[in-house]
């Protein structure tokens, strides 16, 4: 069987079987790169809200929608966040137009009467189960992290996700009252030049990662 393909950065990308045009697939995935250096161009609250308004429709367990965002803009807040990042990530936080601390909210169950009215009684059942709530929140919030990254790219923005951080330190610094649990930090903006120092790496093929039973 033959498959249509396109070549980018020396890698062969199949293009058949998609419901979106190639330029959209390129924007969201093939040509999108993790970015470490950004221009000073502002990322507005309106841009971030528009992205969230789109990606909030992605599926989560029981429609819990537990992802929470801390938008870090001011120099003082950036310094507080940078203090809890791994050394290699500190300057990236300080230099980015905006950083998002993406977190899971174990208190998601309080919103179930609105988000899942058919499961409203579950809110009371989950109240005395903090460990289960935290695990549920983390699983669905991580799904939403993926949606958000793709959504930011759909808005023409570049992203630099970072997991190199002291999550407990960030939680104590920013989330002591809310109880949110930080998952990762994502710098957002427009890339400065290529925005990455190395060629695009390969990915595993479908036959290497999938099994049919």
C-alpha atoms as a PDB file:
ATOM      1  CA  UNK A   1       0.000   0.000   0.000  1.00  0.00           C
ATOM      2  CA  UNK A   2       1.363   3.432  -0.922  1.00  0.00           C
ATOM      3  CA  UNK A   3       1.013   6.472   1.292  1.00  0.00           C
ATOM      4  CA  UNK A   4       1.309  10.125   0.329  1.00  0.00           C
ATOM      5  CA  UNK A   5       3.996  11.906   2.302  1.00  0.00           C
ATOM      6  CA  UNK A   6       5.901  15.143   2.675  1.00  0.00           C
ATOM      7  CA  UNK A   7       9.504  15.688   3.730  1.00  0.00           C
ATOM      8  CA  UNK A   8      10.406  18.213   6.446  1.00  0.00           C
ATOM      9  CA  UNK A   9      13.834  18.555   8.048  1.00  0.00           C
ATOM     10  CA  UNK A  10      14.903  15.401   6.244  1.00  0.00           C
ATOM     11  CA  UNK A  11      12.109  13.346   7.842  1.00  0.00           C
ATOM     12  CA  UNK A  12       9.297  11.699   5.881  1.00  0.00           C
ATOM     13  CA  UNK A  13       5.785  12.551   7.137  1.00  0.00           C
ATOM     14  CA  UNK A  14       2.714  10.647   5.866  1.00  0.00           C
ATOM     15  CA  UNK A  15      -0.099  13.022   4.911  1.00  0.00           C
ATOM     16  CA  UNK A  16      -2.983  10.742   3.968  1.00  0.00           C
ATOM     17  CA  UNK A  17      -5.843   9.924   6.325  1.00  0.00           C
ATOM     18  CA  UNK A  18      -6.099  13.402   7.867  1.00  0.00           C
ATOM     19  CA  UNK A  19      -9.222  15.560   7.965  1.00  0.00           C
ATOM     20  CA  UNK A  20      -7.239  18.812   8.208  1.00  0.00           C
ATOM     21  CA  UNK A  21      -5.034  20.445   5.548  1.00  0.00           C
ATOM     22  CA  UNK A  22      -1.299  19.830   5.627  1.00  0.00           C
ATOM     23  CA  UNK A  23      -0.563  23.419   6.669  1.00  0.00           C
ATOM     24  CA  UNK A  24      -2.674  22.935   9.802  1.00  0.00           C
ATOM     25  CA  UNK A  25      -0.963  19.627  10.617  1.00  0.00           C
ATOM     26  CA  UNK A  26       2.393  21.346  10.078  1.00  0.00           C
ATOM     27  CA  UNK A  27       1.474  24.232  12.398  1.00  0.00           C
ATOM     28  CA  UNK A  28       0.250  21.996  15.200  1.00  0.00           C
ATOM     29  CA  UNK A  29       2.744  19.151  14.966  1.00  0.00           C
ATOM     30  CA  UNK A  30       5.234  18.661  12.134  1.00  0.00           C
ATOM     31  CA  UNK A  31       6.874  22.088  12.100  1.00  0.00           C
ATOM     32  CA  UNK A  32       6.164  23.009  15.727  1.00  0.00           C
ATOM     33  CA  UNK A  33       9.208  22.889  17.976  1.00  0.00           C
ATOM     34  CA  UNK A  34       9.904  23.226  21.668  1.00  0.00           C
ATOM     35  CA  UNK A  35      11.190  26.784  22.032  1.00  0.00           C
ATOM     36  CA  UNK A  36      13.757  28.065  24.503  1.00  0.00           C
ATOM     37  CA  UNK A  37      14.228  31.665  23.310  1.00  0.00           C
ATOM     38  CA  UNK A  38      11.399  34.114  22.642  1.00  0.00           C
ATOM     39  CA  UNK A  39      10.994  37.614  21.235  1.00  0.00           C
ATOM     40  CA  UNK A  40       9.772  40.311  23.662  1.00  0.00           C
ATOM     41  CA  UNK A  41       6.367  40.412  21.911  1.00  0.00           C
ATOM     42  CA  UNK A  42       3.557  40.388  24.463  1.00  0.00           C
ATOM     43  CA  UNK A  43       1.201  37.460  24.928  1.00  0.00           C
ATOM     44  CA  UNK A  44      -2.093  38.987  26.033  1.00  0.00           C
ATOM     45  CA  UNK A  45      -4.680  37.713  28.461  1.00  0.00           C
ATOM     46  CA  UNK A  46      -7.138  37.801  25.567  1.00  0.00           C
ATOM     47  CA  UNK A  47      -4.969  35.390  23.574  1.00  0.00           C
ATOM     48  CA  UNK A  48      -4.668  32.995  26.498  1.00  0.00           C
ATOM     49  CA  UNK A  49      -8.403  33.172  27.193  1.00  0.00           C
ATOM     50  CA  UNK A  50      -9.204  32.436  23.542  1.00  0.00           C
ATOM     51  CA  UNK A  51      -6.977  29.361  23.637  1.00  0.00           C
ATOM     52  CA  UNK A  52      -8.552  28.120  26.858  1.00  0.00           C
ATOM     53  CA  UNK A  53     -12.053  28.734  25.512  1.00  0.00           C
ATOM     54  CA  UNK A  54     -11.190  26.311  22.705  1.00  0.00           C
ATOM     55  CA  UNK A  55      -9.304  23.566  24.525  1.00  0.00           C
ATOM     56  CA  UNK A  56     -11.690  23.358  27.490  1.00  0.00           C
ATOM     57  CA  UNK A  57     -13.918  21.259  25.221  1.00  0.00           C
ATOM     58  CA  UNK A  58     -11.385  18.428  25.163  1.00  0.00           C
ATOM     59  CA  UNK A  59     -12.516  15.295  27.030  1.00  0.00           C
ATOM     60  CA  UNK A  60     -11.765  14.695  30.701  1.00  0.00           C
ATOM     61  CA  UNK A  61     -13.034  11.995  33.054  1.00  0.00           C
ATOM     62  CA  UNK A  62     -16.595  12.843  34.168  1.00  0.00           C
ATOM     63  CA  UNK A  63     -16.086  16.293  32.596  1.00  0.00           C
ATOM     64  CA  UNK A  64     -14.093  17.282  35.683  1.00  0.00           C
ATOM     65  CA  UNK A  65     -11.909  19.826  33.793  1.00  0.00           C
ATOM     66  CA  UNK A  66      -9.327  19.951  36.639  1.00  0.00           C
ATOM     67  CA  UNK A  67      -6.538  21.866  34.870  1.00  0.00           C
ATOM     68  CA  UNK A  68      -5.703  25.221  36.449  1.00  0.00           C
ATOM     69  CA  UNK A  69      -3.410  27.950  35.102  1.00  0.00           C
ATOM     70  CA  UNK A  70      -1.242  30.410  36.976  1.00  0.00           C
ATOM     71  CA  UNK A  71      -0.217  33.167  34.546  1.00  0.00           C
ATOM     72  CA  UNK A  72       3.172  34.511  35.630  1.00  0.00           C
ATOM     73  CA  UNK A  73       3.935  37.968  34.190  1.00  0.00           C
ATOM     74  CA  UNK A  74       5.461  40.419  36.664  1.00  0.00           C
ATOM     75  CA  UNK A  75       9.223  40.502  37.334  1.00  0.00           C
ATOM     76  CA  UNK A  76       8.569  39.770  41.008  1.00  0.00           C
ATOM     77  CA  UNK A  77       6.436  36.720  40.225  1.00  0.00           C
ATOM     78  CA  UNK A  78       8.933  35.486  37.633  1.00  0.00           C
ATOM     79  CA  UNK A  79      11.726  35.677  40.190  1.00  0.00           C
ATOM     80  CA  UNK A  80       9.636  33.717  42.687  1.00  0.00           C
ATOM     81  CA  UNK A  81       8.928  31.047  40.077  1.00  0.00           C
ATOM     82  CA  UNK A  82      12.504  30.920  38.774  1.00  0.00           C
ATOM     83  CA  UNK A  83      13.761  30.173  42.285  1.00  0.00           C
ATOM     84  CA  UNK A  84      11.975  26.811  42.102  1.00  0.00           C
ATOM     85  CA  UNK A  85      13.109  25.867  38.587  1.00  0.00           C
ATOM     86  CA  UNK A  86      16.117  23.726  37.766  1.00  0.00           C
ATOM     87  CA  UNK A  87      19.159  25.885  37.083  1.00  0.00           C
ATOM     88  CA  UNK A  88      19.001  25.365  33.309  1.00  0.00           C
ATOM     89  CA  UNK A  89      15.397  26.609  33.237  1.00  0.00           C
ATOM     90  CA  UNK A  90      15.672  29.687  35.456  1.00  0.00           C
ATOM     91  CA  UNK A  91      16.830  32.130  32.780  1.00  0.00           C
ATOM     92  CA  UNK A  92      14.155  30.832  30.419  1.00  0.00           C
ATOM     93  CA  UNK A  93      11.444  31.754  32.901  1.00  0.00           C
ATOM     94  CA  UNK A  94      12.969  35.169  33.540  1.00  0.00           C
ATOM     95  CA  UNK A  95      13.239  35.942  29.809  1.00  0.00           C
ATOM     96  CA  UNK A  96       9.937  34.557  28.474  1.00  0.00           C
ATOM     97  CA  UNK A  97       7.042  36.951  27.740  1.00  0.00           C
ATOM     98  CA  UNK A  98       4.827  34.867  30.007  1.00  0.00           C
ATOM     99  CA  UNK A  99       5.067  31.579  31.879  1.00  0.00           C
ATOM    100  CA  UNK A 100       2.149  29.334  32.744  1.00  0.00           C
ATOM    101  CA  UNK A 101       2.258  27.095  35.780  1.00  0.00           C
ATOM    102  CA  UNK A 102      -0.088  24.276  34.825  1.00  0.00           C
ATOM    103  CA  UNK A 103      -1.644  22.603  37.836  1.00  0.00           C
ATOM    104  CA  UNK A 104      -4.265  20.049  38.818  1.00  0.00           C
ATOM    105  CA  UNK A 105      -7.031  21.020  41.231  1.00  0.00           C
ATOM    106  CA  UNK A 106      -7.931  18.248  43.715  1.00  0.00           C
ATOM    107  CA  UNK A 107     -10.951  20.371  44.617  1.00  0.00           C
ATOM    108  CA  UNK A 108     -12.496  19.797  41.190  1.00  0.00           C
ATOM    109  CA  UNK A 109     -15.379  17.910  42.765  1.00  0.00           C
ATOM    110  CA  UNK A 110     -16.918  21.154  44.027  1.00  0.00           C
ATOM    111  CA  UNK A 111     -17.823  21.978  40.413  1.00  0.00           C
ATOM    112  CA  UNK A 112     -19.455  18.635  39.595  1.00  0.00           C
ATOM    113  CA  UNK A 113     -23.044  19.866  40.137  1.00  0.00           C
ATOM    114  CA  UNK A 114     -22.469  22.268  37.218  1.00  0.00           C
ATOM    115  CA  UNK A 115     -20.043  20.289  35.068  1.00  0.00           C
ATOM    116  CA  UNK A 116     -21.663  16.877  35.503  1.00  0.00           C
ATOM    117  CA  UNK A 117     -25.142  17.388  37.004  1.00  0.00           C
ATOM    118  CA  UNK A 118     -26.004  13.743  36.420  1.00  0.00           C
ATOM    119  CA  UNK A 119     -23.138  12.882  38.810  1.00  0.00           C
ATOM    120  CA  UNK A 120     -23.702  15.682  41.319  1.00  0.00           C
ATOM    121  CA  UNK A 121     -23.908  13.267  44.251  1.00  0.00           C
ATOM    122  CA  UNK A 122     -20.312  12.243  43.562  1.00  0.00           C
ATOM    123  CA  UNK A 123     -19.141  15.587  44.932  1.00  0.00           C
ATOM    124  CA  UNK A 124     -20.114  14.589  48.460  1.00  0.00           C
ATOM    125  CA  UNK A 125     -18.775  11.062  48.007  1.00  0.00           C
ATOM    126  CA  UNK A 126     -15.343  12.353  46.952  1.00  0.00           C
ATOM    127  CA  UNK A 127     -15.032  14.957  49.698  1.00  0.00           C
ATOM    128  CA  UNK A 128     -13.498  12.549  52.279  1.00  0.00           C
ATOM    129  CA  UNK A 129     -11.190  10.945  49.661  1.00  0.00           C
ATOM    130  CA  UNK A 130      -8.366  13.454  49.020  1.00  0.00           C
ATOM    131  CA  UNK A 131      -5.931  10.892  47.614  1.00  0.00           C
ATOM    132  CA  UNK A 132      -8.425   9.634  45.050  1.00  0.00           C
ATOM    133  CA  UNK A 133      -9.342  13.191  44.104  1.00  0.00           C
ATOM    134  CA  UNK A 134      -5.701  14.118  43.625  1.00  0.00           C
ATOM    135  CA  UNK A 135      -5.094  11.130  41.348  1.00  0.00           C
ATOM    136  CA  UNK A 136      -8.247  11.827  39.343  1.00  0.00           C
ATOM    137  CA  UNK A 137      -7.309  15.487  39.000  1.00  0.00           C
ATOM    138  CA  UNK A 138      -3.773  14.706  37.870  1.00  0.00           C
ATOM    139  CA  UNK A 139      -4.836  12.206  35.201  1.00  0.00           C
ATOM    140  CA  UNK A 140      -7.381  14.466  33.528  1.00  0.00           C
ATOM    141  CA  UNK A 141      -5.288  17.616  33.956  1.00  0.00           C
ATOM    142  CA  UNK A 142      -2.416  15.955  32.101  1.00  0.00           C
ATOM    143  CA  UNK A 143      -4.805  15.301  29.220  1.00  0.00           C
ATOM    144  CA  UNK A 144      -5.679  18.984  29.268  1.00  0.00           C
ATOM    145  CA  UNK A 145      -2.002  19.952  29.245  1.00  0.00           C
ATOM    146  CA  UNK A 146      -1.692  18.272  25.857  1.00  0.00           C
ATOM    147  CA  UNK A 147      -4.780  20.053  24.563  1.00  0.00           C
ATOM    148  CA  UNK A 148      -3.440  23.385  25.803  1.00  0.00           C
ATOM    149  CA  UNK A 149      -0.063  23.000  24.097  1.00  0.00           C
ATOM    150  CA  UNK A 150      -1.739  22.233  20.776  1.00  0.00           C
ATOM    151  CA  UNK A 151      -4.214  25.074  21.336  1.00  0.00           C
ATOM    152  CA  UNK A 152      -1.413  27.571  21.923  1.00  0.00           C
ATOM    153  CA  UNK A 153       0.179  26.478  18.669  1.00  0.00           C
ATOM    154  CA  UNK A 154      -3.184  26.868  16.925  1.00  0.00           C
ATOM    155  CA  UNK A 155      -3.138  30.507  18.073  1.00  0.00           C
ATOM    156  CA  UNK A 156       0.215  31.009  16.344  1.00  0.00           C
ATOM    157  CA  UNK A 157       2.168  30.932  19.594  1.00  0.00           C
ATOM    158  CA  UNK A 158       5.263  28.916  20.445  1.00  0.00           C
ATOM    159  CA  UNK A 159       5.711  26.972  23.653  1.00  0.00           C
ATOM    160  CA  UNK A 160       8.515  25.690  25.828  1.00  0.00           C
ATOM    161  CA  UNK A 161       7.220  23.082  28.312  1.00  0.00           C
ATOM    162  CA  UNK A 162       9.495  22.363  31.276  1.00  0.00           C
ATOM    163  CA  UNK A 163       9.227  19.696  33.953  1.00  0.00           C
ATOM    164  CA  UNK A 164      12.586  20.502  35.537  1.00  0.00           C
ATOM    165  CA  UNK A 165      11.325  22.168  38.700  1.00  0.00           C
ATOM    166  CA  UNK A 166      10.646  21.732  42.390  1.00  0.00           C
ATOM    167  CA  UNK A 167       6.906  21.061  42.204  1.00  0.00           C
ATOM    168  CA  UNK A 168       6.470  21.000  45.980  1.00  0.00           C
ATOM    169  CA  UNK A 169       8.291  24.301  46.246  1.00  0.00           C
ATOM    170  CA  UNK A 170       6.045  25.881  43.607  1.00  0.00           C
ATOM    171  CA  UNK A 171       2.972  24.545  45.390  1.00  0.00           C
ATOM    172  CA  UNK A 172       4.108  26.080  48.672  1.00  0.00           C
ATOM    173  CA  UNK A 173       5.027  29.364  46.978  1.00  0.00           C
ATOM    174  CA  UNK A 174       1.874  29.893  44.946  1.00  0.00           C
ATOM    175  CA  UNK A 175      -0.801  27.346  45.873  1.00  0.00           C
ATOM    176  CA  UNK A 176      -0.760  27.121  49.662  1.00  0.00           C
ATOM    177  CA  UNK A 177      -4.354  28.370  49.873  1.00  0.00           C
ATOM    178  CA  UNK A 178      -5.870  26.868  46.718  1.00  0.00           C
ATOM    179  CA  UNK A 179      -4.395  23.386  47.131  1.00  0.00           C
ATOM    180  CA  UNK A 180      -3.551  23.152  43.426  1.00  0.00           C
ATOM    181  CA  UNK A 181      -0.753  20.732  42.495  1.00  0.00           C
ATOM    182  CA  UNK A 182       1.739  21.930  39.887  1.00  0.00           C
ATOM    183  CA  UNK A 183       2.432  19.648  36.924  1.00  0.00           C
ATOM    184  CA  UNK A 184       4.819  21.633  34.733  1.00  0.00           C
ATOM    185  CA  UNK A 185       5.716  25.117  33.577  1.00  0.00           C
ATOM    186  CA  UNK A 186       5.184  26.276  29.990  1.00  0.00           C
ATOM    187  CA  UNK A 187       6.830  29.382  28.576  1.00  0.00           C
ATOM    188  CA  UNK A 188       4.721  31.010  25.856  1.00  0.00           C
ATOM    189  CA  UNK A 189       5.545  33.559  23.172  1.00  0.00           C
ATOM    190  CA  UNK A 190       6.941  33.816  19.672  1.00  0.00           C
ATOM    191  CA  UNK A 191      10.227  32.128  18.993  1.00  0.00           C
ATOM    192  CA  UNK A 192      13.373  34.173  18.531  1.00  0.00           C
ATOM    193  CA  UNK A 193      14.887  32.892  15.281  1.00  0.00           C
ATOM    194  CA  UNK A 194      14.768  29.113  15.126  1.00  0.00           C
ATOM    195  CA  UNK A 195      14.225  28.994  18.870  1.00  0.00           C
ATOM    196  CA  UNK A 196      16.031  25.681  19.215  1.00  0.00           C
ATOM    197  CA  UNK A 197      19.735  24.785  18.914  1.00  0.00           C
ATOM    198  CA  UNK A 198      19.465  21.375  17.256  1.00  0.00           C
ATOM    199  CA  UNK A 199      17.808  19.669  14.254  1.00  0.00           C
ATOM    200  CA  UNK A 200      14.476  17.984  14.731  1.00  0.00           C
ATOM    201  CA  UNK A 201      14.827  14.488  16.180  1.00  0.00           C
ATOM    202  CA  UNK A 202      13.118  11.423  14.736  1.00  0.00           C
ATOM    203  CA  UNK A 203       9.965   9.838  16.131  1.00  0.00           C
ATOM    204  CA  UNK A 204       8.967   6.184  16.391  1.00  0.00           C
ATOM    205  CA  UNK A 205       6.799   4.786  13.587  1.00  0.00           C
ATOM    206  CA  UNK A 206       3.293   3.470  14.150  1.00  0.00           C
ATOM    207  CA  UNK A 207       4.454  -0.134  13.731  1.00  0.00           C
ATOM    208  CA  UNK A 208       6.954   0.380  16.552  1.00  0.00           C
ATOM    209  CA  UNK A 209       4.419   1.601  19.092  1.00  0.00           C
ATOM    210  CA  UNK A 210       1.137  -0.129  18.239  1.00  0.00           C
ATOM    211  CA  UNK A 211      -0.032  -3.702  18.675  1.00  0.00           C
ATOM    212  CA  UNK A 212      -3.289  -5.129  17.383  1.00  0.00           C
ATOM    213  CA  UNK A 213      -5.004  -7.952  19.280  1.00  0.00           C
END
